[in-house]
Amino acid sequence: MRLSHVICTAVLPLALTLVSPSALSVSPPHPTGLNAPMVSISSFTPKNYVQQEATKMFPAPETGMVQHILTLPKLENEDNYMLEIQIGQTKMVDCNLHFLKGELTEETVKGWGYSYYQLLAVSEGPSTMKACIDNKQQEAFVSIPAEMKIKYDSRLPKVFYLPEGTELRFRTWKVDSTFFYAK
């Protein structure tokens, strides 16, 4: 009898709160910080490639490659922002740290001078050699070691050509501190 009384005292107020009009009127949380400006992402293979006005000067993706286009929204004071890029694949791995091998190169569109980034091949890379006692596999993002931070610039999309099955991750960084002076 006492347990049912405890359950009623705990569950009934919660249930009433969930169905009350004030609970339904709460707006969902707004994106804050650097996630608020939404980056537009487009990915094209040779089969579904559609030439866009803003990126028509960039080459179409070749067979086995995917063109990733990041269009950055205009921000006030863009010099205070950077874009971090990670390239890799989601794989099943053991307890060791795993990496992929691949060389990301910066290319230039001939006649335009615009930069784009290309990774022609990805292969298994080094890993630590710890003894994994339980041999448990887990899904994890395994990246090429090249960490890339590029200047935030909304005037031109950031274009990447990656092998199929390779993922592009990105995040935006913002400077929150002010300059200090040494005299």
N, C-alpha and C. Protein backbone atom coordinates (compact mmCIF):
# COMPACT_ATOMS: atom_id res chain seq x y z
N MET A 1 0.82 -1.18 0.00
CA MET A 1 0.00 0.00 0.00
C MET A 1 0.87 1.25 0.00
N ARG A 2 1.94 1.24 0.74
CA ARG A 2 2.82 2.41 0.85
C ARG A 2 3.52 2.68 -0.48
N LEU A 3 3.96 1.64 -1.22
CA LEU A 3 4.62 1.80 -2.50
C LEU A 3 3.70 2.44 -3.53
N SER A 4 2.44 2.02 -3.56
CA SER A 4 1.50 2.61 -4.52
C SER A 4 1.25 4.08 -4.19
N HIS A 5 1.26 4.43 -2.91
CA HIS A 5 1.09 5.82 -2.51
C HIS A 5 2.28 6.67 -2.99
N VAL A 6 3.49 6.11 -2.88
CA VAL A 6 4.70 6.83 -3.32
C VAL A 6 4.66 7.02 -4.84
N ILE A 7 4.26 5.99 -5.57
CA ILE A 7 4.19 6.09 -7.03
C ILE A 7 3.17 7.13 -7.43
N CYS A 8 2.01 7.14 -6.82
CA CYS A 8 0.98 8.13 -7.14
C CYS A 8 1.45 9.55 -6.84
N THR A 9 2.16 9.72 -5.74
CA THR A 9 2.63 11.07 -5.39
C THR A 9 3.72 11.53 -6.35
N ALA A 10 4.50 10.64 -6.90
CA ALA A 10 5.57 11.04 -7.81
C ALA A 10 5.08 11.15 -9.25
N VAL A 11 4.25 10.24 -9.70
CA VAL A 11 3.84 10.18 -11.10
C VAL A 11 2.74 11.17 -11.43
N LEU A 12 1.77 11.34 -10.54
CA LEU A 12 0.63 12.20 -10.83
C LEU A 12 1.04 13.66 -11.10
N PRO A 13 1.88 14.29 -10.27
CA PRO A 13 2.29 15.66 -10.59
C PRO A 13 3.07 15.76 -11.90
N LEU A 14 3.88 14.76 -12.20
CA LEU A 14 4.63 14.75 -13.45
C LEU A 14 3.68 14.66 -14.64
N ALA A 15 2.70 13.78 -14.56
CA ALA A 15 1.73 13.63 -15.64
C ALA A 15 0.94 14.91 -15.84
N LEU A 16 0.52 15.56 -14.76
CA LEU A 16 -0.23 16.80 -14.88
C LEU A 16 0.63 17.91 -15.48
N THR A 17 1.90 17.93 -15.15
CA THR A 17 2.80 18.93 -15.71
C THR A 17 2.96 18.75 -17.21
N LEU A 18 3.07 17.50 -17.65
CA LEU A 18 3.26 17.24 -19.07
C LEU A 18 2.06 17.61 -19.92
N VAL A 19 0.85 17.52 -19.38
CA VAL A 19 -0.34 17.84 -20.17
C VAL A 19 -0.86 19.24 -19.90
N SER A 20 -0.23 19.98 -19.05
CA SER A 20 -0.70 21.34 -18.75
C SER A 20 -0.42 22.26 -19.94
N PRO A 21 -1.26 23.28 -20.15
CA PRO A 21 -1.06 24.20 -21.27
C PRO A 21 0.28 24.93 -21.20
N SER A 22 0.77 25.21 -20.01
CA SER A 22 2.05 25.93 -19.92
C SER A 22 3.21 25.07 -20.40
N ALA A 23 3.14 23.76 -20.21
CA ALA A 23 4.21 22.88 -20.68
C ALA A 23 4.20 22.82 -22.20
N LEU A 24 3.03 22.90 -22.81
CA LEU A 24 2.95 22.83 -24.26
C LEU A 24 3.36 24.14 -24.92
N SER A 25 3.35 25.24 -24.17
CA SER A 25 3.66 26.53 -24.77
C SER A 25 5.14 26.86 -24.77
N VAL A 26 5.97 26.01 -24.21
CA VAL A 26 7.41 26.26 -24.17
C VAL A 26 7.99 26.00 -25.55
N SER A 27 8.74 26.97 -26.06
CA SER A 27 9.35 26.77 -27.37
C SER A 27 10.55 25.85 -27.27
N PRO A 28 10.87 25.18 -28.36
CA PRO A 28 12.07 24.35 -28.34
C PRO A 28 13.30 25.24 -28.19
N PRO A 29 14.37 24.70 -27.65
CA PRO A 29 15.56 25.53 -27.47
C PRO A 29 16.09 26.00 -28.83
N HIS A 30 16.52 27.23 -28.87
CA HIS A 30 17.09 27.78 -30.10
C HIS A 30 18.56 27.39 -30.18
N PRO A 31 19.05 27.20 -31.40
CA PRO A 31 20.48 26.93 -31.51
C PRO A 31 21.26 28.11 -30.97
N THR A 32 22.29 27.82 -30.23
CA THR A 32 23.10 28.90 -29.67
C THR A 32 24.53 28.77 -30.14
N GLY A 33 25.27 29.78 -29.89
CA GLY A 33 26.69 29.74 -30.22
C GLY A 33 26.91 29.66 -31.71
N LEU A 34 27.91 28.88 -32.09
CA LEU A 34 28.32 28.83 -33.48
C LEU A 34 27.47 27.90 -34.32
N ASN A 35 26.62 27.09 -33.68
CA ASN A 35 25.77 26.22 -34.46
C ASN A 35 24.55 26.96 -34.99
N ALA A 36 24.32 28.18 -34.52
CA ALA A 36 23.17 28.95 -34.97
C ALA A 36 23.24 29.25 -36.46
N PRO A 37 24.37 29.71 -37.03
CA PRO A 37 24.38 29.91 -38.47
C PRO A 37 24.47 28.55 -39.16
N MET A 38 23.47 28.23 -39.91
CA MET A 38 23.41 26.90 -40.52
C MET A 38 24.23 26.88 -41.82
N VAL A 39 25.17 25.98 -41.88
CA VAL A 39 25.98 25.78 -43.06
C VAL A 39 25.19 24.91 -44.02
N SER A 40 25.10 25.31 -45.26
CA SER A 40 24.40 24.53 -46.28
C SER A 40 25.38 23.52 -46.87
N ILE A 41 24.95 22.26 -46.95
CA ILE A 41 25.81 21.18 -47.42
C ILE A 41 25.18 20.51 -48.63
N SER A 42 25.95 20.35 -49.70
CA SER A 42 25.51 19.62 -50.89
C SER A 42 26.57 18.59 -51.22
N SER A 43 26.13 17.41 -51.63
CA SER A 43 27.07 16.36 -52.04
C SER A 43 26.61 15.79 -53.37
N PHE A 44 27.57 15.65 -54.29
CA PHE A 44 27.25 15.16 -55.62
C PHE A 44 28.21 14.06 -56.04
N THR A 45 27.68 13.02 -56.65
CA THR A 45 28.48 11.99 -57.30
C THR A 45 28.38 12.25 -58.81
N PRO A 46 29.14 11.53 -59.62
CA PRO A 46 28.99 11.74 -61.07
C PRO A 46 27.56 11.43 -61.56
N LYS A 47 26.85 10.54 -60.88
CA LYS A 47 25.50 10.16 -61.31
C LYS A 47 24.45 11.22 -61.00
N ASN A 48 24.60 11.94 -59.88
CA ASN A 48 23.56 12.91 -59.51
C ASN A 48 24.06 14.35 -59.57
N TYR A 49 25.18 14.58 -60.25
CA TYR A 49 25.78 15.92 -60.29
C TYR A 49 24.85 16.91 -60.97
N VAL A 50 24.66 18.04 -60.32
CA VAL A 50 23.89 19.15 -60.85
C VAL A 50 24.76 20.39 -60.72
N GLN A 51 25.03 21.03 -61.85
CA GLN A 51 25.86 22.22 -61.81
C GLN A 51 25.07 23.36 -61.17
N GLN A 52 25.69 24.01 -60.19
CA GLN A 52 25.06 25.13 -59.50
C GLN A 52 25.76 26.42 -59.92
N GLU A 53 25.02 27.50 -59.89
CA GLU A 53 25.57 28.79 -60.32
C GLU A 53 26.81 29.18 -59.50
N ALA A 54 26.74 29.00 -58.20
CA ALA A 54 27.83 29.45 -57.32
C ALA A 54 29.08 28.59 -57.44
N THR A 55 28.96 27.37 -57.98
CA THR A 55 30.11 26.46 -58.05
C THR A 55 30.36 25.95 -59.47
N LYS A 56 29.85 26.62 -60.47
CA LYS A 56 29.99 26.14 -61.85
C LYS A 56 31.44 26.11 -62.33
N MET A 57 32.32 26.90 -61.70
CA MET A 57 33.72 26.95 -62.11
C MET A 57 34.52 25.74 -61.61
N PHE A 58 34.00 25.02 -60.62
CA PHE A 58 34.69 23.86 -60.07
C PHE A 58 34.42 22.63 -60.94
N PRO A 59 35.39 21.72 -61.06
CA PRO A 59 35.18 20.54 -61.90
C PRO A 59 34.09 19.62 -61.32
N ALA A 60 33.42 18.92 -62.21
CA ALA A 60 32.43 17.92 -61.80
C ALA A 60 33.17 16.75 -61.15
N PRO A 61 32.53 16.03 -60.23
CA PRO A 61 33.22 14.89 -59.60
C PRO A 61 33.48 13.77 -60.61
N GLU A 62 34.63 13.15 -60.46
CA GLU A 62 34.99 12.03 -61.34
C GLU A 62 34.44 10.73 -60.77
N THR A 63 34.50 9.68 -61.54
CA THR A 63 34.02 8.38 -61.10
C THR A 63 34.72 7.96 -59.82
N GLY A 64 33.93 7.50 -58.83
CA GLY A 64 34.47 7.07 -57.55
C GLY A 64 34.67 8.19 -56.55
N MET A 65 34.36 9.42 -56.95
CA MET A 65 34.55 10.58 -56.09
C MET A 65 33.21 11.23 -55.77
N VAL A 66 33.18 11.96 -54.65
CA VAL A 66 32.00 12.73 -54.25
C VAL A 66 32.45 14.17 -54.04
N GLN A 67 31.69 15.10 -54.61
CA GLN A 67 31.96 16.52 -54.43
C GLN A 67 31.11 17.01 -53.26
N HIS A 68 31.76 17.56 -52.23
CA HIS A 68 31.06 18.11 -51.07
C HIS A 68 31.21 19.63 -51.14
N ILE A 69 30.09 20.33 -51.06
CA ILE A 69 30.09 21.79 -51.12
C ILE A 69 29.54 22.34 -49.81
N LEU A 70 30.34 23.12 -49.11
CA LEU A 70 29.91 23.78 -47.88
C LEU A 70 29.71 25.26 -48.19
N THR A 71 28.48 25.71 -48.04
CA THR A 71 28.17 27.12 -48.26
C THR A 71 27.96 27.76 -46.89
N LEU A 72 28.82 28.70 -46.56
CA LEU A 72 28.82 29.32 -45.24
C LEU A 72 27.94 30.56 -45.24
N PRO A 73 27.14 30.73 -44.20
CA PRO A 73 26.33 31.95 -44.13
C PRO A 73 27.20 33.16 -43.79
N LYS A 74 26.76 34.32 -44.24
CA LYS A 74 27.50 35.55 -43.94
C LYS A 74 27.36 35.85 -42.46
N LEU A 75 28.50 36.14 -41.82
CA LEU A 75 28.52 36.50 -40.41
C LEU A 75 29.15 37.87 -40.24
N GLU A 76 28.79 38.51 -39.17
CA GLU A 76 29.41 39.78 -38.84
C GLU A 76 30.81 39.48 -38.29
N ASN A 77 31.81 40.19 -38.76
CA ASN A 77 33.18 40.02 -38.29
C ASN A 77 33.73 38.62 -38.54
N GLU A 78 33.73 38.19 -39.78
CA GLU A 78 34.16 36.83 -40.13
C GLU A 78 35.61 36.53 -39.79
N ASP A 79 36.42 37.57 -39.57
CA ASP A 79 37.82 37.35 -39.18
C ASP A 79 37.93 36.66 -37.82
N ASN A 80 36.87 36.68 -37.04
CA ASN A 80 36.88 36.03 -35.73
C ASN A 80 36.45 34.57 -35.77
N TYR A 81 36.29 33.99 -36.97
CA TYR A 81 35.81 32.61 -37.11
C TYR A 81 36.77 31.78 -37.93
N MET A 82 36.75 30.50 -37.68
CA MET A 82 37.50 29.52 -38.48
C MET A 82 36.62 28.31 -38.70
N LEU A 83 36.94 27.55 -39.72
CA LEU A 83 36.22 26.32 -40.02
C LEU A 83 37.20 25.16 -39.87
N GLU A 84 36.87 24.21 -39.00
CA GLU A 84 37.71 23.02 -38.80
C GLU A 84 37.13 21.88 -39.61
N ILE A 85 37.98 21.19 -40.34
CA ILE A 85 37.57 20.09 -41.21
C ILE A 85 38.24 18.81 -40.75
N GLN A 86 37.47 17.74 -40.68
CA GLN A 86 38.02 16.40 -40.44
C GLN A 86 37.47 15.48 -41.53
N ILE A 87 38.33 14.62 -42.04
CA ILE A 87 37.94 13.71 -43.11
C ILE A 87 38.25 12.29 -42.64
N GLY A 88 37.30 11.39 -42.83
CA GLY A 88 37.51 10.01 -42.40
C GLY A 88 36.36 9.12 -42.78
N GLN A 89 36.24 8.03 -42.05
CA GLN A 89 35.19 7.05 -42.30
C GLN A 89 34.69 6.52 -40.96
N THR A 90 33.42 6.14 -40.92
CA THR A 90 32.88 5.49 -39.73
C THR A 90 33.15 4.00 -39.87
N LYS A 91 33.83 3.43 -38.89
CA LYS A 91 34.25 2.02 -38.95
C LYS A 91 33.99 1.34 -37.61
N MET A 92 33.98 0.04 -37.63
CA MET A 92 33.94 -0.77 -36.41
C MET A 92 35.40 -0.98 -35.99
N VAL A 93 35.71 -0.55 -34.76
CA VAL A 93 37.09 -0.62 -34.28
C VAL A 93 37.13 -1.23 -32.87
N ASP A 94 38.33 -1.68 -32.48
CA ASP A 94 38.52 -2.21 -31.13
C ASP A 94 38.97 -1.07 -30.21
N CYS A 95 39.57 -1.38 -29.09
CA CYS A 95 39.93 -0.36 -28.10
C CYS A 95 41.13 0.50 -28.50
N ASN A 96 41.82 0.16 -29.58
CA ASN A 96 42.99 0.92 -30.02
C ASN A 96 42.58 2.21 -30.73
N LEU A 97 43.51 3.15 -30.80
CA LEU A 97 43.32 4.35 -31.61
C LEU A 97 43.66 3.99 -33.05
N HIS A 98 42.76 4.30 -33.96
CA HIS A 98 42.95 3.96 -35.37
C HIS A 98 42.99 5.24 -36.21
N PHE A 99 43.75 5.19 -37.29
CA PHE A 99 43.85 6.31 -38.22
C PHE A 99 43.77 5.78 -39.64
N LEU A 100 43.48 6.68 -40.57
CA LEU A 100 43.50 6.36 -41.99
C LEU A 100 44.66 7.08 -42.64
N LYS A 101 45.08 6.60 -43.81
CA LYS A 101 46.13 7.27 -44.57
C LYS A 101 45.47 7.92 -45.78
N GLY A 102 45.92 9.11 -46.09
CA GLY A 102 45.45 9.83 -47.26
C GLY A 102 46.05 11.21 -47.28
N GLU A 103 46.24 11.75 -48.48
CA GLU A 103 46.85 13.06 -48.59
C GLU A 103 45.83 14.04 -49.17
N LEU A 104 45.45 15.00 -48.34
CA LEU A 104 44.53 16.05 -48.76
C LEU A 104 45.35 17.17 -49.38
N THR A 105 45.05 17.48 -50.65
CA THR A 105 45.80 18.52 -51.34
C THR A 105 44.89 19.70 -51.66
N GLU A 106 45.48 20.87 -51.70
CA GLU A 106 44.74 22.07 -52.10
C GLU A 106 45.04 22.32 -53.57
N GLU A 107 44.01 22.37 -54.38
CA GLU A 107 44.13 22.60 -55.81
C GLU A 107 43.55 23.96 -56.15
N THR A 108 43.83 24.44 -57.35
CA THR A 108 43.32 25.72 -57.81
C THR A 108 42.56 25.54 -59.11
N VAL A 109 41.41 26.19 -59.21
CA VAL A 109 40.63 26.15 -60.45
C VAL A 109 41.35 27.03 -61.47
N LYS A 110 41.77 26.41 -62.57
CA LYS A 110 42.53 27.13 -63.59
C LYS A 110 41.69 28.26 -64.17
N GLY A 111 42.31 29.43 -64.26
CA GLY A 111 41.64 30.59 -64.83
C GLY A 111 40.80 31.37 -63.83
N TRP A 112 40.54 30.79 -62.66
CA TRP A 112 39.72 31.46 -61.65
C TRP A 112 40.53 31.79 -60.39
N GLY A 113 41.47 30.93 -60.05
CA GLY A 113 42.27 31.15 -58.84
C GLY A 113 41.60 30.69 -57.56
N TYR A 114 40.43 30.06 -57.67
CA TYR A 114 39.72 29.59 -56.48
C TYR A 114 40.30 28.26 -56.02
N SER A 115 40.35 28.08 -54.70
CA SER A 115 40.89 26.84 -54.14
C SER A 115 39.80 25.81 -53.90
N TYR A 116 40.16 24.55 -54.05
CA TYR A 116 39.33 23.44 -53.60
C TYR A 116 40.27 22.37 -53.06
N TYR A 117 39.72 21.39 -52.37
CA TYR A 117 40.52 20.39 -51.69
C TYR A 117 40.18 19.01 -52.23
N GLN A 118 41.21 18.19 -52.38
CA GLN A 118 41.02 16.89 -53.00
C GLN A 118 41.78 15.81 -52.23
N LEU A 119 41.11 14.69 -52.02
CA LEU A 119 41.71 13.50 -51.41
C LEU A 119 41.46 12.37 -52.39
N LEU A 120 42.51 11.89 -53.05
CA LEU A 120 42.33 10.91 -54.11
C LEU A 120 42.09 9.49 -53.59
N ALA A 121 42.73 9.13 -52.48
CA ALA A 121 42.59 7.77 -51.97
C ALA A 121 42.70 7.75 -50.45
N VAL A 122 42.00 6.80 -49.85
CA VAL A 122 42.05 6.58 -48.41
C VAL A 122 42.36 5.11 -48.19
N SER A 123 43.27 4.84 -47.26
CA SER A 123 43.58 3.44 -46.94
C SER A 123 43.76 3.31 -45.43
N GLU A 124 43.82 2.06 -44.97
CA GLU A 124 44.03 1.80 -43.54
C GLU A 124 45.36 2.39 -43.13
N GLY A 125 45.36 2.99 -41.97
CA GLY A 125 46.57 3.62 -41.46
C GLY A 125 47.04 2.95 -40.19
N PRO A 126 47.90 3.61 -39.47
CA PRO A 126 48.44 3.04 -38.24
C PRO A 126 47.40 3.00 -37.12
N SER A 127 47.68 2.19 -36.14
CA SER A 127 46.86 2.15 -34.93
C SER A 127 47.76 1.80 -33.76
N THR A 128 47.27 2.10 -32.57
CA THR A 128 48.02 1.68 -31.40
C THR A 128 47.91 0.17 -31.28
N MET A 129 48.74 -0.42 -30.46
CA MET A 129 48.78 -1.89 -30.37
C MET A 129 48.45 -2.37 -28.96
N LYS A 130 47.46 -1.74 -28.33
CA LYS A 130 47.05 -2.17 -26.98
C LYS A 130 46.36 -3.53 -27.07
N ALA A 131 46.48 -4.29 -26.01
CA ALA A 131 45.77 -5.57 -25.93
C ALA A 131 44.34 -5.28 -25.50
N CYS A 132 43.40 -5.56 -26.38
CA CYS A 132 41.99 -5.34 -26.07
C CYS A 132 41.46 -6.61 -25.43
N ILE A 133 41.25 -6.59 -24.14
CA ILE A 133 40.89 -7.79 -23.39
C ILE A 133 39.57 -8.38 -23.85
N ASP A 134 38.56 -7.55 -24.05
CA ASP A 134 37.25 -8.09 -24.40
C ASP A 134 37.02 -8.20 -25.90
N ASN A 135 37.92 -7.71 -26.73
CA ASN A 135 37.78 -7.72 -28.20
C ASN A 135 36.46 -7.13 -28.67
N LYS A 136 35.91 -6.24 -27.88
CA LYS A 136 34.64 -5.62 -28.23
C LYS A 136 34.86 -4.60 -29.34
N GLN A 137 34.02 -4.64 -30.36
CA GLN A 137 34.07 -3.69 -31.46
C GLN A 137 33.02 -2.61 -31.23
N GLN A 138 33.38 -1.39 -31.59
CA GLN A 138 32.43 -0.28 -31.48
C GLN A 138 32.56 0.60 -32.71
N GLU A 139 31.48 1.29 -33.04
CA GLU A 139 31.50 2.18 -34.18
C GLU A 139 32.16 3.49 -33.79
N ALA A 140 33.09 3.97 -34.64
CA ALA A 140 33.80 5.22 -34.35
C ALA A 140 34.20 5.89 -35.65
N PHE A 141 34.36 7.20 -35.59
CA PHE A 141 34.84 7.96 -36.73
C PHE A 141 36.36 7.87 -36.73
N VAL A 142 36.92 7.34 -37.80
CA VAL A 142 38.37 7.18 -37.95
C VAL A 142 38.81 8.19 -39.01
N SER A 143 39.75 9.05 -38.67
CA SER A 143 40.10 10.14 -39.58
C SER A 143 41.52 10.02 -40.11
N ILE A 144 41.77 10.76 -41.18
CA ILE A 144 43.15 10.93 -41.62
C ILE A 144 43.76 11.93 -40.65
N PRO A 145 45.03 11.82 -40.33
CA PRO A 145 45.61 12.67 -39.29
C PRO A 145 45.68 14.15 -39.63
N ALA A 146 45.54 14.51 -40.88
CA ALA A 146 45.66 15.92 -41.26
C ALA A 146 44.47 16.71 -40.71
N GLU A 147 44.74 17.52 -39.70
CA GLU A 147 43.71 18.39 -39.17
C GLU A 147 43.77 19.68 -39.96
N MET A 148 42.62 20.16 -40.34
CA MET A 148 42.60 21.32 -41.22
C MET A 148 41.73 22.42 -40.63
N LYS A 149 42.29 23.59 -40.49
CA LYS A 149 41.52 24.76 -40.07
C LYS A 149 41.69 25.80 -41.16
N ILE A 150 40.57 26.27 -41.69
CA ILE A 150 40.63 27.27 -42.74
C ILE A 150 39.87 28.51 -42.30
N LYS A 151 40.28 29.61 -42.86
CA LYS A 151 39.67 30.90 -42.54
C LYS A 151 38.20 30.89 -42.97
N TYR A 152 37.35 31.40 -42.13
CA TYR A 152 35.92 31.49 -42.43
C TYR A 152 35.73 32.58 -43.48
N ASP A 153 35.13 32.22 -44.60
CA ASP A 153 34.90 33.18 -45.68
C ASP A 153 33.62 32.78 -46.41
N SER A 154 32.56 33.55 -46.21
CA SER A 154 31.26 33.21 -46.78
C SER A 154 31.13 33.61 -48.24
N ARG A 155 32.12 34.29 -48.81
CA ARG A 155 32.00 34.77 -50.18
C ARG A 155 32.03 33.66 -51.22
N LEU A 156 32.70 32.55 -50.91
CA LEU A 156 32.83 31.45 -51.86
C LEU A 156 32.67 30.12 -51.13
N PRO A 157 31.92 29.18 -51.69
CA PRO A 157 31.75 27.89 -51.04
C PRO A 157 33.08 27.15 -50.89
N LYS A 158 33.14 26.30 -49.89
CA LYS A 158 34.30 25.43 -49.69
C LYS A 158 33.98 24.11 -50.38
N VAL A 159 34.84 23.69 -51.31
CA VAL A 159 34.56 22.51 -52.14
C VAL A 159 35.62 21.45 -51.86
N PHE A 160 35.15 20.22 -51.62
CA PHE A 160 36.01 19.08 -51.33
C PHE A 160 35.64 17.93 -52.25
N TYR A 161 36.65 17.23 -52.77
CA TYR A 161 36.45 16.02 -53.56
C TYR A 161 37.05 14.86 -52.75
N LEU A 162 36.18 13.92 -52.37
CA LEU A 162 36.61 12.80 -51.53
C LEU A 162 36.18 11.48 -52.16
N PRO A 163 36.92 10.40 -51.90
CA PRO A 163 36.49 9.09 -52.41
C PRO A 163 35.14 8.69 -51.81
N GLU A 164 34.35 7.95 -52.57
CA GLU A 164 33.06 7.47 -52.07
C GLU A 164 33.29 6.68 -50.78
N GLY A 165 32.39 6.83 -49.83
CA GLY A 165 32.51 6.15 -48.55
C GLY A 165 33.31 6.94 -47.53
N THR A 166 33.81 8.10 -47.93
CA THR A 166 34.56 8.95 -47.02
C THR A 166 33.65 10.09 -46.56
N GLU A 167 33.78 10.44 -45.29
CA GLU A 167 32.91 11.45 -44.70
C GLU A 167 33.68 12.73 -44.43
N LEU A 168 32.96 13.84 -44.48
CA LEU A 168 33.51 15.15 -44.18
C LEU A 168 32.80 15.67 -42.94
N ARG A 169 33.57 15.96 -41.89
CA ARG A 169 33.00 16.56 -40.67
C ARG A 169 33.56 17.96 -40.55
N PHE A 170 32.77 18.86 -40.01
CA PHE A 170 33.24 20.22 -39.85
C PHE A 170 32.59 20.85 -38.63
N ARG A 171 33.25 21.86 -38.12
CA ARG A 171 32.68 22.68 -37.06
C ARG A 171 33.30 24.07 -37.16
N THR A 172 32.60 25.02 -36.57
CA THR A 172 33.01 26.41 -36.63
C THR A 172 33.62 26.81 -35.29
N TRP A 173 34.71 27.55 -35.36
CA TRP A 173 35.38 28.05 -34.17
C TRP A 173 35.24 29.57 -34.15
N LYS A 174 35.11 30.12 -32.95
CA LYS A 174 35.00 31.57 -32.80
C LYS A 174 35.98 32.04 -31.74
N VAL A 175 36.61 33.15 -32.02
CA VAL A 175 37.52 33.78 -31.05
C VAL A 175 36.66 34.49 -30.02
N ASP A 176 36.85 34.16 -28.75
CA ASP A 176 36.09 34.82 -27.69
C ASP A 176 36.95 35.77 -26.88
N SER A 177 38.25 35.71 -27.04
CA SER A 177 39.11 36.57 -26.23
C SER A 177 39.52 37.81 -27.02
N THR A 178 40.00 38.79 -26.30
CA THR A 178 40.49 40.02 -26.95
C THR A 178 42.00 39.98 -27.00
N PHE A 179 42.57 40.87 -27.79
CA PHE A 179 44.03 40.96 -27.90
C PHE A 179 44.62 41.57 -26.63
N PHE A 180 45.74 41.02 -26.23
CA PHE A 180 46.53 41.60 -25.15
C PHE A 180 47.79 42.18 -25.78
N TYR A 181 48.36 43.16 -25.16
CA TYR A 181 49.49 43.87 -25.75
C TYR A 181 50.74 43.69 -24.91
N ALA A 182 51.87 43.53 -25.58
CA ALA A 182 53.17 43.51 -24.94
C ALA A 182 53.95 44.69 -25.48
N LYS A 183 54.51 45.46 -24.62
CA LYS A 183 55.27 46.64 -25.07
C LYS A 183 56.72 46.50 -24.73
